[in-house]
Amino acid sequence: MSRKPYYLYVFHHINDNQLCIDITQNLREALSIKQAFYHLVYYEYFRDKHLAKLKELELRFESRQKQRIFVSKFNPEWANLEHCLIDNCAQTSSGYQKSSVQESKS
């Protein structure tokens, strides 16, 4: 029996510059709910819900500046990564344009 993956994601609000950090099993659904006002600027794949939740909490309790630095390391242009869900690309340590999925070890 295959378990669904978990995704840590960061949405950037296009009007007020806020970040929304959460986890989900369905990244496309999360995007469809927030799409009107948010851009997907970071996501990370996890096979384990507890690791995803730990990473989420770690990021949430960082300062806003550290959160922005974290996102900038993977997405320096703060581009909307919605196309990655369509093209099945995933973030890597050097960016978000490769097509293989990287498992996080947190």
C-alpha atoms as a PDB file:
ATOM      1  CA  MET A   1       0.000   0.000   0.000  1.00  0.00           C
ATOM      2  CA  SER A   2       1.454   3.323  -1.106  1.00  0.00           C
ATOM      3  CA  ARG A   3       1.347   6.273   1.281  1.00  0.00           C
ATOM      4  CA  LYS A   4       0.696   9.747  -0.050  1.00  0.00           C
ATOM      5  CA  PRO A   5       3.569  12.197   0.211  1.00  0.00           C
ATOM      6  CA  TYR A   6       3.432  15.329   2.309  1.00  0.00           C
ATOM      7  CA  TYR A   7       4.469  18.736   1.089  1.00  0.00           C
ATOM      8  CA  LEU A   8       5.672  21.700   3.067  1.00  0.00           C
ATOM      9  CA  TYR A   9       4.746  24.802   1.097  1.00  0.00           C
ATOM     10  CA  VAL A  10       5.188  28.543   1.309  1.00  0.00           C
ATOM     11  CA  PHE A  11       2.765  30.903  -0.387  1.00  0.00           C
ATOM     12  CA  HIS A  12       3.606  34.564  -0.850  1.00  0.00           C
ATOM     13  CA  HIS A  13       0.657  36.960  -0.673  1.00  0.00           C
ATOM     14  CA  ILE A  14       0.877  39.206  -3.718  1.00  0.00           C
ATOM     15  CA  ASN A  15      -0.666  42.277  -2.097  1.00  0.00           C
ATOM     16  CA  ASP A  16       0.618  42.479   1.467  1.00  0.00           C
ATOM     17  CA  ASN A  17       3.894  40.520   1.244  1.00  0.00           C
ATOM     18  CA  GLN A  18       2.910  37.977   3.912  1.00  0.00           C
ATOM     19  CA  LEU A  19       3.977  34.343   3.860  1.00  0.00           C
ATOM     20  CA  CYS A  20       1.663  31.385   4.426  1.00  0.00           C
ATOM     21  CA  ILE A  21       3.518  28.255   5.625  1.00  0.00           C
ATOM     22  CA  ASP A  22       1.731  24.913   5.918  1.00  0.00           C
ATOM     23  CA  ILE A  23       1.799  21.214   4.999  1.00  0.00           C
ATOM     24  CA  THR A  24      -0.566  19.242   2.777  1.00  0.00           C
ATOM     25  CA  GLN A  25      -0.925  15.936   1.002  1.00  0.00           C
ATOM     26  CA  ASN A  26      -2.436  17.627  -2.039  1.00  0.00           C
ATOM     27  CA  LEU A  27      -0.370  20.572  -3.198  1.00  0.00           C
ATOM     28  CA  ARG A  28      -2.565  21.218  -6.245  1.00  0.00           C
ATOM     29  CA  GLU A  29      -5.654  21.509  -4.050  1.00  0.00           C
ATOM     30  CA  ALA A  30      -3.900  23.856  -1.633  1.00  0.00           C
ATOM     31  CA  LEU A  31      -2.849  25.987  -4.585  1.00  0.00           C
ATOM     32  CA  SER A  32      -6.346  26.086  -6.075  1.00  0.00           C
ATOM     33  CA  ILE A  33      -7.722  27.427  -2.784  1.00  0.00           C
ATOM     34  CA  LYS A  34      -5.116  30.185  -2.436  1.00  0.00           C
ATOM     35  CA  GLN A  35      -4.351  30.882  -6.104  1.00  0.00           C
ATOM     36  CA  ALA A  36      -6.253  34.168  -6.405  1.00  0.00           C
ATOM     37  CA  PHE A  37      -4.087  36.024  -3.896  1.00  0.00           C
ATOM     38  CA  TYR A  38      -0.984  33.899  -3.340  1.00  0.00           C
ATOM     39  CA  HIS A  39       1.976  32.651  -5.341  1.00  0.00           C
ATOM     40  CA  LEU A  40       3.608  29.328  -4.545  1.00  0.00           C
ATOM     41  CA  VAL A  41       7.255  30.260  -3.885  1.00  0.00           C
ATOM     42  CA  TYR A  42       8.564  27.128  -2.162  1.00  0.00           C
ATOM     43  CA  TYR A  43       7.622  23.519  -1.654  1.00  0.00           C
ATOM     44  CA  GLU A  44       9.389  20.465  -0.330  1.00  0.00           C
ATOM     45  CA  TYR A  45       8.499  16.775  -0.568  1.00  0.00           C
ATOM     46  CA  PHE A  46       8.384  14.526   2.506  1.00  0.00           C
ATOM     47  CA  ARG A  47       7.536  10.844   2.824  1.00  0.00           C
ATOM     48  CA  ASP A  48       6.877  11.213   6.535  1.00  0.00           C
ATOM     49  CA  LYS A  49       4.184  13.474   8.004  1.00  0.00           C
ATOM     50  CA  HIS A  50       6.129  14.029  11.230  1.00  0.00           C
ATOM     51  CA  LEU A  51       9.217  15.275   9.395  1.00  0.00           C
ATOM     52  CA  ALA A  52       7.049  17.607   7.325  1.00  0.00           C
ATOM     53  CA  LYS A  53       5.387  18.960  10.474  1.00  0.00           C
ATOM     54  CA  LEU A  54       8.727  19.472  12.233  1.00  0.00           C
ATOM     55  CA  LYS A  55      10.096  21.421   9.280  1.00  0.00           C
ATOM     56  CA  GLU A  56       6.891  23.479   9.109  1.00  0.00           C
ATOM     57  CA  LEU A  57       7.088  24.409  12.790  1.00  0.00           C
ATOM     58  CA  GLU A  58      10.789  25.178  12.541  1.00  0.00           C
ATOM     59  CA  LEU A  59      10.143  27.550   9.643  1.00  0.00           C
ATOM     60  CA  ARG A  60       7.057  29.135  11.210  1.00  0.00           C
ATOM     61  CA  PHE A  61       8.958  30.063  14.362  1.00  0.00           C
ATOM     62  CA  GLU A  62      11.804  31.689  12.473  1.00  0.00           C
ATOM     63  CA  SER A  63      11.820  35.449  12.044  1.00  0.00           C
ATOM     64  CA  ARG A  64      10.262  36.808   8.868  1.00  0.00           C
ATOM     65  CA  GLN A  65      13.732  37.744   7.633  1.00  0.00           C
ATOM     66  CA  LYS A  66      15.013  34.169   8.098  1.00  0.00           C
ATOM     67  CA  GLN A  67      11.920  32.796   6.376  1.00  0.00           C
ATOM     68  CA  ARG A  68      12.640  35.026   3.383  1.00  0.00           C
ATOM     69  CA  ILE A  69      16.287  33.968   3.294  1.00  0.00           C
ATOM     70  CA  PHE A  70      15.189  30.332   3.385  1.00  0.00           C
ATOM     71  CA  VAL A  71      12.864  30.792   0.394  1.00  0.00           C
ATOM     72  CA  SER A  72      15.431  32.881  -1.489  1.00  0.00           C
ATOM     73  CA  LYS A  73      17.993  30.066  -1.352  1.00  0.00           C
ATOM     74  CA  PHE A  74      15.683  27.853  -3.417  1.00  0.00           C
ATOM     75  CA  ASN A  75      13.802  30.474  -5.391  1.00  0.00           C
ATOM     76  CA  PRO A  76      15.966  33.614  -5.687  1.00  0.00           C
ATOM     77  CA  GLU A  77      13.521  35.290  -8.084  1.00  0.00           C
ATOM     78  CA  TRP A  78      10.496  34.503  -5.902  1.00  0.00           C
ATOM     79  CA  ALA A  79       8.876  33.147  -9.054  1.00  0.00           C
ATOM     80  CA  ASN A  80       5.450  31.542  -8.900  1.00  0.00           C
ATOM     81  CA  LEU A  81       6.174  27.799  -8.939  1.00  0.00           C
ATOM     82  CA  GLU A  82       2.676  26.811  -9.996  1.00  0.00           C
ATOM     83  CA  HIS A  83       4.098  25.670 -13.348  1.00  0.00           C
ATOM     84  CA  CYS A  84       6.177  23.077 -11.482  1.00  0.00           C
ATOM     85  CA  LEU A  85       3.015  21.280 -10.461  1.00  0.00           C
ATOM     86  CA  ILE A  86       2.025  21.029 -14.107  1.00  0.00           C
ATOM     87  CA  ASP A  87       5.522  20.128 -15.342  1.00  0.00           C
ATOM     88  CA  ASN A  88       6.298  17.825 -12.375  1.00  0.00           C
ATOM     89  CA  CYS A  89       9.494  19.627 -11.503  1.00  0.00           C
ATOM     90  CA  ALA A  90      10.738  19.758  -7.938  1.00  0.00           C
ATOM     91  CA  GLN A  91      13.060  21.932  -5.935  1.00  0.00           C
ATOM     92  CA  THR A  92      16.646  20.892  -5.448  1.00  0.00           C
ATOM     93  CA  SER A  93      19.477  22.422  -3.492  1.00  0.00           C
ATOM     94  CA  SER A  94      20.296  24.579  -6.519  1.00  0.00           C
ATOM     95  CA  GLY A  95      16.785  25.692  -7.440  1.00  0.00           C
ATOM     96  CA  TYR A  96      13.419  24.461  -8.611  1.00  0.00           C
ATOM     97  CA  GLN A  97      13.765  23.587 -12.282  1.00  0.00           C
ATOM     98  CA  LYS A  98      14.916  19.965 -12.252  1.00  0.00           C
ATOM     99  CA  SER A  99      12.363  17.231 -12.842  1.00  0.00           C
ATOM    100  CA  SER A 100      13.368  14.722 -10.150  1.00  0.00           C
ATOM    101  CA  VAL A 101      11.823  14.788  -6.680  1.00  0.00           C
ATOM    102  CA  GLN A 102      14.207  15.108  -3.750  1.00  0.00           C
ATOM    103  CA  GLU A 103      13.351  13.485  -0.439  1.00  0.00           C
ATOM    104  CA  SER A 104      13.975  15.738   2.531  1.00  0.00           C
ATOM    105  CA  LYS A 105      15.863  14.336   5.501  1.00  0.00           C
ATOM    106  CA  SER A 106      15.448  17.400   7.716  1.00  0.00           C
END
